[in-house]
Amino acid sequence: MKRMMKRLLMLVSMSWSVAAWGTGLDRPAPQVVIEARIVEVGPGIQSANFGTNFGNIYANLPSDMASGDHVSGTFATLPKGSRESERAANTATLQSLTINVCGSDFPVSAGLFACPRVSGDSIRLILKLEEKELGRQVLSVPRVSTIPGRESYILPTEGLVFNRALIVGPFDGDLTKTSVKIGGTAAHLVAESPRGCVFDVPKDPVGPTRIEFQQGSSSLSGAFRTVGLRLTPPRPIIHTGDSTSFAAEVTGLKGLGRPLRLNLKNLSTDVIAMENGDEQSITILPGDVTAAGTFAISRRLSGKRRGEYTINVAIPWSQENFRKP
């Protein structure tokens, strides 16, 4: 009987050890290494991009912020990995980190952060693993906002899927009080200043639809066109002098009542040259749209050296893209 009890206790002890290891209680903290620190500027935002051995973490702030502003922004992660399980594990590691913004720590997993008051001409961001500092970046703050203040909200009239769009108006810089829906689909909010809110245009529905906006007790809605994009993946540049073509079909244009501008930009000028120039503005006229609501473009790409390349397609922000107040 004593021998059986002793064996039972050993089994219980072994089971507990395996369970404790399986839940990660005995695992060491991940060895996060900073590989790159890049400040990126995109439509309406400035981003601190921390590149690590697990992937990238982006801290997005409004590009029109000025000293004295209350602003809020968002975190985004891009994990490394060739398999879904590997990317999921790397995402978990990235989201376990924190970033100090304007003197306060915010977990990356929260996805949202705020700066109660922008002071000086820069914002410092510090990436941390628990209390250990991994790296820091500094974003510049313009002395004067690039977006003038307004007394009423103005909604955009169109946007390209997966691209960013802007609502201007008397915001308070607090994203938690703001919501945007396109065709009933909630849009992901990226950053907010006292003068504007930047959001990502959802992929559905494509074509004429509605935008619904709410900020605190204020609400507004209007017509909105979601413009889609189907890309034909060009083959890679194998060697200097190689060439290929870039082709895209713009969708969701049925019923287009006025010209729509589309910008092309070669973001890899050291790898390729684009036919008609590395930066182009294309005007799509209502008469250019097919009965199915599409418009096709193509450009020849000439290789300068072997490497990966990126062509950016976007609808530029201008007064034409906003509903008149």
Protein backbone atom coordinates (compact mmCIF):
# COMPACT_ATOMS: atom_id res chain seq x y z
CA MET A 1 0.00 0.00 0.00
CA LYS A 2 2.81 2.40 0.87
CA ARG A 3 4.58 1.52 -2.37
CA MET A 4 1.39 2.27 -4.36
CA MET A 5 0.90 5.62 -2.56
CA LYS A 6 4.51 6.59 -3.24
CA ARG A 7 4.10 5.78 -6.95
CA LEU A 8 0.84 7.76 -7.07
CA LEU A 9 2.53 10.80 -5.53
CA MET A 10 5.30 10.56 -8.13
CA LEU A 11 2.75 10.48 -10.95
CA VAL A 12 0.89 13.49 -9.54
CA SER A 13 4.17 15.36 -9.20
CA MET A 14 5.15 14.51 -12.78
CA SER A 15 1.76 15.57 -14.11
CA TRP A 16 2.02 18.91 -12.35
CA SER A 17 5.48 19.55 -13.79
CA VAL A 18 4.26 18.86 -17.34
CA ALA A 19 1.19 21.05 -16.83
CA ALA A 20 3.27 23.89 -15.44
CA TRP A 21 5.63 23.75 -18.45
CA GLY A 22 2.70 23.49 -20.85
CA THR A 23 1.12 26.71 -19.56
CA GLY A 24 4.39 28.58 -19.89
CA LEU A 25 4.92 29.22 -16.18
CA ASP A 26 8.57 28.16 -16.38
CA ARG A 27 9.34 29.66 -19.79
CA PRO A 28 11.93 32.44 -19.96
CA ALA A 29 10.97 35.86 -21.30
CA PRO A 30 11.29 36.13 -25.10
CA GLN A 31 14.60 37.50 -26.38
CA VAL A 32 13.35 40.49 -28.39
CA VAL A 33 16.01 42.17 -30.51
CA ILE A 34 15.54 45.52 -32.28
CA GLU A 35 16.68 45.16 -35.89
CA ALA A 36 15.47 48.48 -37.34
CA ARG A 37 13.93 51.77 -36.27
CA ILE A 38 12.20 53.73 -39.01
CA VAL A 39 9.96 56.80 -38.98
CA GLU A 40 7.33 56.44 -41.71
CA VAL A 41 4.99 59.11 -43.05
CA GLY A 42 1.75 58.04 -44.72
CA PRO A 43 -1.59 59.65 -45.59
CA GLY A 44 -2.59 61.56 -42.45
CA ILE A 45 -0.21 59.78 -40.07
CA GLN A 46 3.32 59.53 -38.74
CA SER A 47 4.43 56.07 -37.63
CA ALA A 48 7.25 54.84 -35.44
CA ASN A 49 8.16 51.45 -36.93
CA PHE A 50 10.05 49.16 -34.56
CA GLY A 51 11.48 46.20 -36.50
CA THR A 52 12.25 43.20 -34.28
CA ASN A 53 13.28 39.57 -34.75
CA PHE A 54 9.60 38.65 -34.21
CA GLY A 55 8.18 41.21 -36.65
CA ASN A 56 7.26 44.89 -36.78
CA ILE A 57 5.31 47.12 -34.38
CA TYR A 58 3.87 50.39 -35.66
CA ALA A 59 2.78 53.26 -33.42
CA ASN A 60 0.54 55.53 -35.53
CA LEU A 61 -0.03 59.19 -34.65
CA PRO A 62 -1.81 61.94 -36.63
CA SER A 63 0.60 63.83 -38.90
CA ASP A 64 -1.19 67.15 -38.31
CA MET A 65 -0.64 67.16 -34.53
CA ALA A 66 0.66 70.41 -33.04
CA SER A 67 2.03 71.46 -29.68
CA GLY A 68 -0.70 71.60 -27.04
CA ASP A 69 -2.93 69.04 -28.79
CA HIS A 70 -4.65 66.09 -27.18
CA VAL A 71 -4.15 63.25 -29.69
CA SER A 72 -4.70 59.51 -29.84
CA GLY A 73 -3.34 56.77 -32.05
CA THR A 74 -3.14 53.03 -32.60
CA PHE A 75 -0.66 50.18 -32.57
CA ALA A 76 -0.39 47.65 -35.39
CA THR A 77 1.75 44.52 -35.66
CA LEU A 78 3.19 42.69 -38.67
CA PRO A 79 4.60 39.34 -37.51
CA LYS A 80 7.32 37.36 -39.25
CA GLY A 81 6.81 33.74 -40.24
CA SER A 82 6.09 31.51 -43.21
CA ARG A 83 3.42 29.46 -41.41
CA GLU A 84 0.23 30.65 -39.73
CA SER A 85 1.20 29.02 -36.43
CA GLU A 86 4.57 30.81 -36.48
CA ARG A 87 2.94 34.17 -37.26
CA ALA A 88 0.41 33.64 -34.45
CA ALA A 89 3.17 32.91 -31.93
CA ASN A 90 5.17 35.95 -33.07
CA THR A 91 2.06 38.15 -32.85
CA ALA A 92 1.56 37.03 -29.25
CA THR A 93 5.14 38.05 -28.43
CA LEU A 94 4.79 41.43 -30.12
CA GLN A 95 1.55 42.12 -28.27
CA SER A 96 3.17 41.27 -24.93
CA LEU A 97 5.37 44.38 -25.25
CA THR A 98 4.54 47.93 -24.14
CA ILE A 99 5.31 51.33 -25.63
CA ASN A 100 5.76 54.44 -23.54
CA VAL A 101 4.13 57.44 -25.25
CA CYS A 102 4.18 60.92 -23.71
CA GLY A 103 5.35 59.45 -20.40
CA SER A 104 2.72 56.70 -20.04
CA ASP A 105 3.01 52.96 -20.77
CA PHE A 106 0.49 51.36 -23.13
CA PRO A 107 0.32 47.63 -23.91
CA VAL A 108 0.62 46.90 -27.62
CA SER A 109 -2.22 44.38 -27.21
CA ALA A 110 -4.62 47.24 -26.31
CA GLY A 111 -4.23 48.62 -29.83
CA LEU A 112 -4.97 52.17 -28.65
CA PHE A 113 -3.00 54.89 -26.89
CA ALA A 114 -3.35 58.59 -26.09
CA CYS A 115 -1.17 61.61 -25.50
CA PRO A 116 -3.10 64.02 -23.23
CA ARG A 117 -0.96 66.97 -24.30
CA VAL A 118 1.67 67.25 -27.00
CA SER A 119 4.50 69.38 -25.64
CA GLY A 120 7.52 70.67 -27.49
CA ASP A 121 8.49 69.83 -31.04
CA SER A 122 8.74 66.04 -30.71
CA ILE A 123 7.12 62.93 -29.20
CA ARG A 124 9.35 60.20 -27.78
CA LEU A 125 8.26 56.56 -27.97
CA ILE A 126 10.04 53.81 -26.00
CA LEU A 127 9.51 50.10 -26.73
CA LYS A 128 9.73 48.00 -23.57
CA LEU A 129 9.68 44.36 -22.46
CA GLU A 130 8.27 44.65 -18.96
CA GLU A 131 10.59 47.30 -17.46
CA LYS A 132 13.48 46.72 -19.87
CA GLU A 133 13.93 49.33 -22.59
CA LEU A 134 14.44 47.78 -26.02
CA GLY A 135 14.61 50.89 -28.18
CA ARG A 136 13.25 54.37 -28.71
CA GLN A 137 12.15 56.65 -31.53
CA VAL A 138 11.26 60.32 -31.88
CA LEU A 139 8.46 61.74 -34.05
CA SER A 140 8.52 65.39 -35.09
CA VAL A 141 5.67 67.71 -34.16
CA PRO A 142 4.97 70.58 -36.60
CA ARG A 143 4.76 74.03 -35.04
CA VAL A 144 1.51 74.63 -36.93
CA SER A 145 -1.03 71.97 -37.89
CA THR A 146 -1.28 71.14 -41.58
CA ILE A 147 -5.08 70.92 -41.29
CA PRO A 148 -6.98 74.13 -40.42
CA GLY A 149 -9.55 74.00 -37.64
CA ARG A 150 -13.23 73.81 -38.63
CA GLU A 151 -16.50 74.43 -36.87
CA SER A 152 -18.35 71.59 -38.63
CA TYR A 153 -17.51 68.04 -39.73
CA ILE A 154 -16.81 67.30 -43.40
CA LEU A 155 -17.01 63.73 -44.68
CA PRO A 156 -15.02 62.28 -47.58
CA THR A 157 -16.95 61.23 -50.69
CA GLU A 158 -14.77 58.27 -51.72
CA GLY A 159 -11.88 56.08 -50.66
CA LEU A 160 -9.75 53.22 -51.95
CA VAL A 161 -10.04 49.87 -50.14
CA PHE A 162 -7.31 49.29 -47.54
CA ASN A 163 -6.19 52.91 -47.98
CA ARG A 164 -6.75 55.71 -45.49
CA ALA A 165 -9.40 58.40 -45.58
CA LEU A 166 -9.85 61.57 -43.52
CA ILE A 167 -12.75 63.26 -41.77
CA VAL A 168 -12.07 66.88 -40.80
CA GLY A 169 -13.86 68.86 -38.13
CA PRO A 170 -13.91 69.90 -34.45
CA PHE A 171 -12.60 66.69 -32.86
CA ASP A 172 -11.24 66.36 -29.34
CA GLY A 173 -8.42 63.94 -30.17
CA ASP A 174 -10.08 61.00 -28.35
CA LEU A 175 -10.62 57.97 -30.62
CA THR A 176 -12.77 56.21 -28.02
CA LYS A 177 -15.58 58.71 -28.72
CA THR A 178 -15.48 58.27 -32.50
CA SER A 179 -16.98 55.67 -34.84
CA VAL A 180 -17.12 55.36 -38.63
CA LYS A 181 -19.09 52.87 -40.71
CA ILE A 182 -18.91 52.33 -44.47
CA GLY A 183 -21.92 50.48 -45.87
CA GLY A 184 -22.68 49.25 -42.35
CA THR A 185 -19.14 47.90 -41.86
CA ALA A 186 -17.16 49.40 -38.99
CA ALA A 187 -14.00 51.10 -40.24
CA HIS A 188 -10.74 50.76 -38.33
CA LEU A 189 -9.79 54.11 -36.80
CA VAL A 190 -6.07 54.89 -37.03
CA ALA A 191 -5.41 58.28 -35.38
CA GLU A 192 -7.17 61.45 -34.26
CA SER A 193 -6.16 65.06 -33.63
CA PRO A 194 -8.35 68.03 -32.63
CA ARG A 195 -8.88 68.71 -36.35
CA GLY A 196 -9.27 65.35 -38.05
CA CYS A 197 -9.71 61.59 -37.80
CA VAL A 198 -7.96 59.09 -40.08
CA PHE A 199 -9.56 55.71 -40.79
CA ASP A 200 -8.94 52.67 -43.00
CA VAL A 201 -11.46 52.10 -45.79
CA PRO A 202 -12.88 48.54 -45.39
CA LYS A 203 -12.81 46.14 -48.34
CA ASP A 204 -16.60 45.69 -48.49
CA PRO A 205 -18.91 46.83 -49.93
CA VAL A 206 -17.26 48.09 -53.15
CA GLY A 207 -19.11 50.76 -55.15
CA PRO A 208 -21.65 53.44 -54.16
CA THR A 209 -22.67 53.12 -50.50
CA ARG A 210 -23.08 55.25 -47.34
CA ILE A 211 -20.73 56.61 -44.69
CA GLU A 212 -22.00 56.97 -41.11
CA PHE A 213 -20.01 58.98 -38.62
CA GLN A 214 -20.44 59.67 -34.91
CA GLN A 215 -18.28 61.69 -32.54
CA GLY A 216 -19.70 62.02 -29.06
CA SER A 217 -23.25 63.32 -29.47
CA SER A 218 -22.64 64.53 -33.05
CA SER A 219 -23.57 62.30 -36.00
CA LEU A 220 -23.47 62.70 -39.75
CA SER A 221 -23.96 60.50 -42.82
CA GLY A 222 -23.71 60.83 -46.58
CA ALA A 223 -23.02 59.12 -49.89
CA PHE A 224 -19.65 57.39 -50.20
CA ARG A 225 -17.96 55.44 -52.97
CA THR A 226 -15.64 52.59 -52.05
CA VAL A 227 -13.19 52.10 -54.90
CA GLY A 228 -11.74 48.61 -55.31
CA LEU A 229 -8.48 47.52 -56.87
CA ARG A 230 -7.56 44.21 -58.54
CA LEU A 231 -3.83 43.86 -59.15
CA THR A 232 -2.16 41.49 -61.58
CA PRO A 233 1.00 40.43 -59.74
CA PRO A 234 3.99 41.23 -61.97
CA ARG A 235 6.85 38.77 -62.07
CA PRO A 236 9.95 39.62 -60.02
CA ILE A 237 12.91 41.54 -61.39
CA ILE A 238 15.56 38.85 -61.83
CA HIS A 239 18.49 40.93 -63.11
CA THR A 240 19.50 44.37 -64.37
CA GLY A 241 17.75 45.18 -67.64
CA ASP A 242 14.86 42.80 -66.98
CA SER A 243 11.35 44.17 -67.52
CA THR A 244 7.79 43.33 -66.61
CA SER A 245 4.43 45.07 -66.48
CA PHE A 246 2.21 46.40 -63.72
CA ALA A 247 -1.54 46.09 -64.33
CA ALA A 248 -4.50 47.09 -62.20
CA GLU A 249 -8.27 47.12 -62.61
CA VAL A 250 -10.10 49.82 -60.67
CA THR A 251 -13.58 48.67 -59.61
CA GLY A 252 -16.65 50.18 -57.96
CA LEU A 253 -16.92 53.06 -60.47
CA LYS A 254 -20.43 52.38 -61.76
CA GLY A 255 -22.42 55.61 -61.85
CA LEU A 256 -19.30 57.79 -61.51
CA GLY A 257 -20.55 61.35 -61.97
CA ARG A 258 -17.29 63.33 -61.96
CA PRO A 259 -13.60 62.75 -62.68
CA LEU A 260 -11.68 60.67 -60.15
CA ARG A 261 -7.93 61.02 -59.66
CA LEU A 262 -5.68 58.08 -59.00
CA ASN A 263 -2.01 58.42 -58.04
CA LEU A 264 0.74 55.92 -58.86
CA LYS A 265 4.07 56.08 -57.07
CA ASN A 266 7.14 53.91 -57.47
CA LEU A 267 8.43 53.30 -53.94
CA SER A 268 11.43 51.29 -55.15
CA THR A 269 13.24 53.68 -57.51
CA ASP A 270 16.55 51.93 -56.83
CA VAL A 271 15.15 48.64 -58.17
CA ILE A 272 12.84 49.66 -61.05
CA ALA A 273 11.84 52.56 -63.28
CA MET A 274 8.15 52.97 -64.18
CA GLU A 275 6.89 53.90 -67.62
CA ASN A 276 5.73 57.57 -67.80
CA GLY A 277 7.56 58.46 -64.58
CA ASP A 278 7.92 57.27 -61.00
CA GLU A 279 5.08 59.53 -59.78
CA GLN A 280 1.91 59.87 -61.85
CA SER A 281 -1.60 61.25 -61.46
CA ILE A 282 -4.26 59.57 -63.61
CA THR A 283 -7.65 61.16 -64.19
CA ILE A 284 -10.50 58.69 -64.64
CA LEU A 285 -13.37 60.33 -66.53
CA PRO A 286 -16.95 59.01 -66.33
CA GLY A 287 -16.71 58.13 -70.03
CA ASP A 288 -13.63 55.94 -69.34
CA VAL A 289 -15.61 53.60 -67.07
CA THR A 290 -16.97 50.33 -68.50
CA ALA A 291 -20.58 49.22 -68.10
CA ALA A 292 -19.38 46.94 -65.30
CA GLY A 293 -17.96 49.96 -63.45
CA THR A 294 -14.26 49.26 -64.06
CA PHE A 295 -11.21 51.06 -65.43
CA ALA A 296 -7.92 49.37 -66.36
CA ILE A 297 -4.38 50.75 -66.21
CA SER A 298 -1.00 49.22 -67.00
CA ARG A 299 2.61 50.40 -66.90
CA ARG A 300 5.88 48.88 -68.04
CA LEU A 301 8.52 48.39 -65.35
CA SER A 302 12.24 48.28 -66.19
CA GLY A 303 14.68 46.67 -63.78
CA LYS A 304 17.74 48.51 -62.52
CA ARG A 305 18.89 45.65 -60.31
CA ARG A 306 17.54 42.44 -58.83
CA GLY A 307 15.19 42.96 -55.91
CA GLU A 308 11.67 43.38 -54.58
CA TYR A 309 9.68 46.49 -55.45
CA THR A 310 6.47 48.29 -54.50
CA ILE A 311 4.06 50.41 -56.54
CA ASN A 312 1.67 52.48 -54.42
CA VAL A 313 -1.82 53.20 -55.77
CA ALA A 314 -3.90 55.79 -53.92
CA ILE A 315 -6.72 58.32 -54.22
CA PRO A 316 -5.15 61.68 -53.23
CA TRP A 317 -6.76 63.84 -50.58
CA SER A 318 -7.98 67.13 -52.03
CA GLN A 319 -11.00 69.43 -51.78
CA GLU A 320 -12.62 67.37 -54.53
CA ASN A 321 -12.76 64.36 -52.19
CA PHE A 322 -14.80 66.08 -49.49
CA ARG A 323 -18.49 66.87 -49.31
CA LYS A 324 -19.06 70.59 -49.23
CA PRO A 325 -20.14 71.74 -45.72
